[in-house]
Each structure stands twice: as C-alpha cells, then as structure tokens.
C-alpha cells in the first residue's frame, strides 16, 4: 500500500451525510471513514491480516462487494491475523464456518444464500455477532439490520488489473479505534 494513496480518517455525523469534520473531533455518535486503494490481492490479504492481528473480541466485519471484489481474500487475511493456519474458503454453501482454534474464536459467514433474516437465528449466528468472537460476514449488505451497531463496514470495488478500491466505515467506538490502528501500522 502506498502511504500517499491513503486518505485520513474523517469523522462524519451520520445525519449530515458526507460533511466531514476535522480529525481531532471525536464523539461516539460520529462515524469514521477511510478510503484506500489496494493494488493487488496480496495487499488485500495483508490488510485483512492487519485487521485480524489488531482484532478484539466482539469485532464484526461486514464485507460488501460484487463477485470477485476480494471479500474472501480479505477474510482469509483476517483469519491468518487471528492465527488460523487452516485453509479458509468462502462459506457460500455452508453459510457459516467456525474456527474456534483462533486467538479469538472466528466465525466466517456468508449472507448471500439466506432466504430471510430469521435464518440467522436458526444458524445461531445472531448470538455470535458482537459476542466474544470475531465475525466476518460476506454479502453483509443483504441484512445490515441484523448486525450490531458497532461494526466495521468494508466495501470493496474491482478497479481492474487486480486493484481494489476500499471504503471502510467504522460504526461504533470499538470499530473506530480499530480503523485508526489499521491506518497507523
């Protein structure tokens, strides 16, 4: 990642749209945002690994993006940062994969094939979101209302030639602290 391509965290009042405030202004009702260009799948993986290394219990990461945007690659990096050495694949058909051997128990979910939000209860995922685990949810935009208020929302876009655009939005204090830490590494 090139440092000069990163944009600093901005704090935005949710009901004022994208009107940014200065970096020094912090309050729990603010949402922190960060944009980054990832120039390769390796950079996407490394960003995920950094997130996993810095993760704390209760972290929920909502991944959004089209097919091939890098959601699973990012999730694999997060898993590696949590100490998982086993292969991590997209849970599209199993819906939820659990990795209890991680430094913090890790759940990797995929909302793409859910019929409705009631299936989250059937899977037991609603109890895992925001608990003492780290949960990464691919296709999270399908049921954003089911996520806890404090979550890290990552939108990946394919920019061609293996490059990805990333817009990270931290909702809640824990996610804001994590987002700031990710930038400073």
C-alpha atoms as a PDB file:
ATOM      1  CA  UNK A   1       0.000   0.000   0.000  1.00  0.00           C
ATOM      2  CA  UNK A   2       1.312   3.384  -0.855  1.00  0.00           C
ATOM      3  CA  UNK A   3       1.031   5.789   2.035  1.00  0.00           C
ATOM      4  CA  UNK A   4       0.228   8.723  -0.258  1.00  0.00           C
ATOM      5  CA  UNK A   5      -2.803   6.869  -1.642  1.00  0.00           C
ATOM      6  CA  UNK A   6      -4.458   6.537   1.758  1.00  0.00           C
ATOM      7  CA  UNK A   7      -6.949   9.121   2.851  1.00  0.00           C
ATOM      8  CA  UNK A   8      -7.009  10.109   6.534  1.00  0.00           C
ATOM      9  CA  UNK A   9      -9.877   9.049   8.736  1.00  0.00           C
ATOM     10  CA  UNK A  10     -12.737  11.518   8.550  1.00  0.00           C
ATOM     11  CA  UNK A  11     -15.445  11.852  11.138  1.00  0.00           C
ATOM     12  CA  UNK A  12     -18.914  12.345   9.803  1.00  0.00           C
ATOM     13  CA  UNK A  13     -22.228  12.978  11.502  1.00  0.00           C
ATOM     14  CA  UNK A  14     -24.476  10.266  10.041  1.00  0.00           C
ATOM     15  CA  UNK A  15     -27.487  12.581   9.645  1.00  0.00           C
ATOM     16  CA  UNK A  16     -25.388  15.262   7.901  1.00  0.00           C
ATOM     17  CA  UNK A  17     -24.303  12.973   5.065  1.00  0.00           C
ATOM     18  CA  UNK A  18     -20.731  13.324   3.917  1.00  0.00           C
ATOM     19  CA  UNK A  19     -19.881  16.668   5.533  1.00  0.00           C
ATOM     20  CA  UNK A  20     -16.541  15.833   7.149  1.00  0.00           C
ATOM     21  CA  UNK A  21     -15.340  17.276  10.418  1.00  0.00           C
ATOM     22  CA  UNK A  22     -11.719  17.676  11.452  1.00  0.00           C
ATOM     23  CA  UNK A  23      -9.731  14.658  12.599  1.00  0.00           C
ATOM     24  CA  UNK A  24      -9.459  15.960  16.160  1.00  0.00           C
ATOM     25  CA  UNK A  25     -13.214  15.943  16.707  1.00  0.00           C
ATOM     26  CA  UNK A  26     -14.352  12.674  18.256  1.00  0.00           C
ATOM     27  CA  UNK A  27     -17.706  11.690  19.683  1.00  0.00           C
ATOM     28  CA  UNK A  28     -19.443   8.327  19.911  1.00  0.00           C
ATOM     29  CA  UNK A  29     -22.221   9.413  17.540  1.00  0.00           C
ATOM     30  CA  UNK A  30     -19.722  10.010  14.729  1.00  0.00           C
ATOM     31  CA  UNK A  31     -18.852   7.503  12.044  1.00  0.00           C
ATOM     32  CA  UNK A  32     -15.214   7.152  10.975  1.00  0.00           C
ATOM     33  CA  UNK A  33     -14.474   6.624   7.270  1.00  0.00           C
ATOM     34  CA  UNK A  34     -11.308   5.738   5.348  1.00  0.00           C
ATOM     35  CA  UNK A  35     -10.632   5.157   1.657  1.00  0.00           C
ATOM     36  CA  UNK A  36      -7.743   3.100   0.332  1.00  0.00           C
ATOM     37  CA  UNK A  37      -6.568   1.659  -2.969  1.00  0.00           C
ATOM     38  CA  UNK A  38      -5.326  -1.923  -2.775  1.00  0.00           C
ATOM     39  CA  UNK A  39      -3.001  -2.610  -5.710  1.00  0.00           C
ATOM     40  CA  UNK A  40      -3.009  -6.417  -5.619  1.00  0.00           C
ATOM     41  CA  UNK A  41      -4.638  -9.451  -3.992  1.00  0.00           C
ATOM     42  CA  UNK A  42      -1.568  -9.583  -1.740  1.00  0.00           C
ATOM     43  CA  UNK A  43      -2.293  -6.077  -0.444  1.00  0.00           C
ATOM     44  CA  UNK A  44      -5.924  -7.077   0.150  1.00  0.00           C
ATOM     45  CA  UNK A  45      -4.769 -10.154   2.089  1.00  0.00           C
ATOM     46  CA  UNK A  46      -2.218  -8.097   4.087  1.00  0.00           C
ATOM     47  CA  UNK A  47      -4.866  -5.552   5.053  1.00  0.00           C
ATOM     48  CA  UNK A  48      -7.018  -8.423   6.283  1.00  0.00           C
ATOM     49  CA  UNK A  49      -4.089  -9.848   8.218  1.00  0.00           C
ATOM     50  CA  UNK A  50      -3.546  -6.461   9.865  1.00  0.00           C
ATOM     51  CA  UNK A  51      -7.252  -6.362  10.850  1.00  0.00           C
ATOM     52  CA  UNK A  52      -7.004  -9.882  12.295  1.00  0.00           C
ATOM     53  CA  UNK A  53      -3.858  -9.045  14.243  1.00  0.00           C
ATOM     54  CA  UNK A  54      -5.477  -5.950  15.759  1.00  0.00           C
ATOM     55  CA  UNK A  55      -8.915  -7.549  16.294  1.00  0.00           C
ATOM     56  CA  UNK A  56     -10.553  -7.673  19.692  1.00  0.00           C
ATOM     57  CA  UNK A  57     -13.368  -9.921  20.924  1.00  0.00           C
ATOM     58  CA  UNK A  58     -16.739  -8.706  19.672  1.00  0.00           C
ATOM     59  CA  UNK A  59     -15.457  -7.373  16.345  1.00  0.00           C
ATOM     60  CA  UNK A  60     -17.900  -7.713  13.462  1.00  0.00           C
ATOM     61  CA  UNK A  61     -16.640  -7.015   9.954  1.00  0.00           C
ATOM     62  CA  UNK A  62     -19.289  -6.513   7.274  1.00  0.00           C
ATOM     63  CA  UNK A  63     -17.872  -7.208   3.804  1.00  0.00           C
ATOM     64  CA  UNK A  64     -19.671  -5.809   0.776  1.00  0.00           C
ATOM     65  CA  UNK A  65     -18.743  -6.080  -2.887  1.00  0.00           C
ATOM     66  CA  UNK A  66     -19.555  -7.771  -6.157  1.00  0.00           C
ATOM     67  CA  UNK A  67     -18.384 -11.280  -7.018  1.00  0.00           C
ATOM     68  CA  UNK A  68     -14.620 -11.250  -7.320  1.00  0.00           C
ATOM     69  CA  UNK A  69     -14.188  -7.987  -5.423  1.00  0.00           C
ATOM     70  CA  UNK A  70     -11.862  -9.576  -2.849  1.00  0.00           C
ATOM     71  CA  UNK A  71     -14.182 -10.302   0.091  1.00  0.00           C
ATOM     72  CA  UNK A  72     -12.909 -13.840   0.657  1.00  0.00           C
ATOM     73  CA  UNK A  73      -9.274 -12.783   0.169  1.00  0.00           C
ATOM     74  CA  UNK A  74      -9.731 -10.141   2.873  1.00  0.00           C
ATOM     75  CA  UNK A  75     -11.442 -12.692   5.157  1.00  0.00           C
ATOM     76  CA  UNK A  76      -8.536 -15.112   4.628  1.00  0.00           C
ATOM     77  CA  UNK A  77      -6.124 -12.409   5.744  1.00  0.00           C
ATOM     78  CA  UNK A  78      -8.212 -11.684   8.834  1.00  0.00           C
ATOM     79  CA  UNK A  79      -8.183 -15.393   9.673  1.00  0.00           C
ATOM     80  CA  UNK A  80      -4.407 -15.519   9.282  1.00  0.00           C
ATOM     81  CA  UNK A  81      -4.028 -12.478  11.543  1.00  0.00           C
ATOM     82  CA  UNK A  82      -6.066 -14.355  14.148  1.00  0.00           C
ATOM     83  CA  UNK A  83      -3.618 -17.266  13.948  1.00  0.00           C
ATOM     84  CA  UNK A  84      -5.600 -19.610  11.720  1.00  0.00           C
ATOM     85  CA  UNK A  85      -3.346 -21.737   9.516  1.00  0.00           C
ATOM     86  CA  UNK A  86      -6.074 -23.956   8.053  1.00  0.00           C
ATOM     87  CA  UNK A  87      -7.450 -23.085   4.613  1.00  0.00           C
ATOM     88  CA  UNK A  88     -10.282 -20.553   4.771  1.00  0.00           C
ATOM     89  CA  UNK A  89     -12.765 -20.708   1.915  1.00  0.00           C
ATOM     90  CA  UNK A  90     -15.919 -18.813   1.149  1.00  0.00           C
ATOM     91  CA  UNK A  91     -18.798 -20.208   3.237  1.00  0.00           C
ATOM     92  CA  UNK A  92     -21.338 -19.621   0.453  1.00  0.00           C
ATOM     93  CA  UNK A  93     -22.797 -23.129   0.645  1.00  0.00           C
ATOM     94  CA  UNK A  94     -22.249 -23.894   4.339  1.00  0.00           C
ATOM     95  CA  UNK A  95     -23.313 -20.341   5.325  1.00  0.00           C
ATOM     96  CA  UNK A  96     -21.108 -20.232   8.450  1.00  0.00           C
ATOM     97  CA  UNK A  97     -17.648 -21.639   9.107  1.00  0.00           C
ATOM     98  CA  UNK A  98     -16.299 -21.665  12.663  1.00  0.00           C
ATOM     99  CA  UNK A  99     -12.645 -21.616  13.663  1.00  0.00           C
ATOM    100  CA  UNK A 100     -12.565 -21.993  17.454  1.00  0.00           C
ATOM    101  CA  UNK A 101      -8.785 -22.578  17.477  1.00  0.00           C
ATOM    102  CA  UNK A 102      -8.048 -18.944  16.610  1.00  0.00           C
ATOM    103  CA  UNK A 103      -6.585 -16.449  19.078  1.00  0.00           C
ATOM    104  CA  UNK A 104     -10.177 -15.180  19.303  1.00  0.00           C
ATOM    105  CA  UNK A 105     -12.839 -17.639  18.072  1.00  0.00           C
ATOM    106  CA  UNK A 106     -13.558 -16.752  14.445  1.00  0.00           C
ATOM    107  CA  UNK A 107     -16.823 -17.073  12.524  1.00  0.00           C
ATOM    108  CA  UNK A 108     -16.890 -16.546   8.759  1.00  0.00           C
ATOM    109  CA  UNK A 109     -20.422 -16.148   7.414  1.00  0.00           C
ATOM    110  CA  UNK A 110     -21.991 -15.536   4.041  1.00  0.00           C
ATOM    111  CA  UNK A 111     -25.436 -13.919   3.837  1.00  0.00           C
ATOM    112  CA  UNK A 112     -25.771 -14.406   0.055  1.00  0.00           C
ATOM    113  CA  UNK A 113     -27.910 -17.557   0.203  1.00  0.00           C
ATOM    114  CA  UNK A 114     -30.057 -16.671   3.217  1.00  0.00           C
ATOM    115  CA  UNK A 115     -33.748 -16.579   2.422  1.00  0.00           C
ATOM    116  CA  UNK A 116     -34.517 -14.090   5.194  1.00  0.00           C
ATOM    117  CA  UNK A 117     -33.083 -12.801   8.446  1.00  0.00           C
ATOM    118  CA  UNK A 118     -34.865 -15.452  10.539  1.00  0.00           C
ATOM    119  CA  UNK A 119     -32.309 -17.965   9.233  1.00  0.00           C
ATOM    120  CA  UNK A 120     -29.646 -16.173  11.275  1.00  0.00           C
ATOM    121  CA  UNK A 121     -31.367 -17.433  14.417  1.00  0.00           C
ATOM    122  CA  UNK A 122     -31.570 -20.953  13.014  1.00  0.00           C
ATOM    123  CA  UNK A 123     -27.821 -20.895  12.361  1.00  0.00           C
ATOM    124  CA  UNK A 124     -27.111 -19.437  15.803  1.00  0.00           C
ATOM    125  CA  UNK A 125     -25.183 -16.624  14.153  1.00  0.00           C
ATOM    126  CA  UNK A 126     -27.286 -13.918  15.781  1.00  0.00           C
ATOM    127  CA  UNK A 127     -25.787 -14.943  19.133  1.00  0.00           C
ATOM    128  CA  UNK A 128     -22.223 -14.829  17.785  1.00  0.00           C
ATOM    129  CA  UNK A 129     -22.426 -11.374  16.255  1.00  0.00           C
ATOM    130  CA  UNK A 130     -20.852  -8.940  18.667  1.00  0.00           C
ATOM    131  CA  UNK A 131     -20.114 -11.539  21.368  1.00  0.00           C
ATOM    132  CA  UNK A 132     -16.609 -12.643  22.411  1.00  0.00           C
ATOM    133  CA  UNK A 133     -15.776 -13.706  18.876  1.00  0.00           C
ATOM    134  CA  UNK A 134     -14.628 -12.121  15.645  1.00  0.00           C
ATOM    135  CA  UNK A 135     -17.286 -12.410  12.929  1.00  0.00           C
ATOM    136  CA  UNK A 136     -16.658 -11.643   9.272  1.00  0.00           C
ATOM    137  CA  UNK A 137     -19.800 -11.517   7.147  1.00  0.00           C
ATOM    138  CA  UNK A 138     -19.624 -11.611   3.347  1.00  0.00           C
ATOM    139  CA  UNK A 139     -22.581 -10.086   1.472  1.00  0.00           C
ATOM    140  CA  UNK A 140     -23.462  -8.285   4.715  1.00  0.00           C
ATOM    141  CA  UNK A 141     -25.438  -5.647   2.806  1.00  0.00           C
ATOM    142  CA  UNK A 142     -28.254  -8.167   2.378  1.00  0.00           C
ATOM    143  CA  UNK A 143     -29.110  -7.997   6.106  1.00  0.00           C
ATOM    144  CA  UNK A 144     -27.321  -4.966   7.554  1.00  0.00           C
ATOM    145  CA  UNK A 145     -30.155  -4.502  10.041  1.00  0.00           C
ATOM    146  CA  UNK A 146     -29.094  -7.751  11.716  1.00  0.00           C
ATOM    147  CA  UNK A 147     -25.585  -6.534  12.500  1.00  0.00           C
ATOM    148  CA  UNK A 148     -24.720  -4.992  15.854  1.00  0.00           C
ATOM    149  CA  UNK A 149     -24.488  -1.201  15.999  1.00  0.00           C
ATOM    150  CA  UNK A 150     -20.705  -1.414  16.451  1.00  0.00           C
ATOM    151  CA  UNK A 151     -19.244  -2.962  13.313  1.00  0.00           C
ATOM    152  CA  UNK A 152     -16.627  -2.291  10.668  1.00  0.00           C
ATOM    153  CA  UNK A 153     -18.253  -1.940   7.240  1.00  0.00           C
ATOM    154  CA  UNK A 154     -15.863  -2.585   4.321  1.00  0.00           C
ATOM    155  CA  UNK A 155     -16.929  -2.022   0.714  1.00  0.00           C
ATOM    156  CA  UNK A 156     -14.608  -3.453  -1.928  1.00  0.00           C
ATOM    157  CA  UNK A 157     -14.805  -2.495  -5.585  1.00  0.00           C
ATOM    158  CA  UNK A 158     -12.970  -4.035  -8.526  1.00  0.00           C
ATOM    159  CA  UNK A 159     -10.883  -1.348 -10.212  1.00  0.00           C
ATOM    160  CA  UNK A 160      -9.329  -3.642 -12.826  1.00  0.00           C
ATOM    161  CA  UNK A 161      -5.890  -5.242 -13.120  1.00  0.00           C
ATOM    162  CA  UNK A 162      -6.165  -6.851  -9.656  1.00  0.00           C
ATOM    163  CA  UNK A 163      -6.650  -3.444  -7.986  1.00  0.00           C
ATOM    164  CA  UNK A 164      -9.393  -2.904  -5.445  1.00  0.00           C
ATOM    165  CA  UNK A 165     -10.970   0.185  -4.004  1.00  0.00           C
ATOM    166  CA  UNK A 166     -11.815   0.066  -0.317  1.00  0.00           C
ATOM    167  CA  UNK A 167     -14.169   2.294   1.618  1.00  0.00           C
ATOM    168  CA  UNK A 168     -14.089   1.483   5.320  1.00  0.00           C
ATOM    169  CA  UNK A 169     -16.732   2.848   7.657  1.00  0.00           C
ATOM    170  CA  UNK A 170     -16.463   2.269  11.380  1.00  0.00           C
ATOM    171  CA  UNK A 171     -19.751   2.284  13.244  1.00  0.00           C
ATOM    172  CA  UNK A 172     -19.180   2.421  16.984  1.00  0.00           C
ATOM    173  CA  UNK A 173     -16.266   3.097  19.278  1.00  0.00           C
ATOM    174  CA  UNK A 174     -14.519  -0.291  19.053  1.00  0.00           C
ATOM    175  CA  UNK A 175     -14.549  -0.206  15.262  1.00  0.00           C
ATOM    176  CA  UNK A 176     -13.325   3.412  15.193  1.00  0.00           C
ATOM    177  CA  UNK A 177     -10.351   2.538  17.396  1.00  0.00           C
ATOM    178  CA  UNK A 178      -9.562  -0.427  15.151  1.00  0.00           C
ATOM    179  CA  UNK A 179      -9.813   1.664  11.998  1.00  0.00           C
ATOM    180  CA  UNK A 180      -7.390   4.224  13.418  1.00  0.00           C
ATOM    181  CA  UNK A 181      -4.983   1.453  14.423  1.00  0.00           C
ATOM    182  CA  UNK A 182      -5.118  -0.092  10.952  1.00  0.00           C
ATOM    183  CA  UNK A 183      -4.040   3.209   9.428  1.00  0.00           C
ATOM    184  CA  UNK A 184      -1.147   3.763  11.805  1.00  0.00           C
ATOM    185  CA  UNK A 185       0.575   0.411  11.180  1.00  0.00           C
END
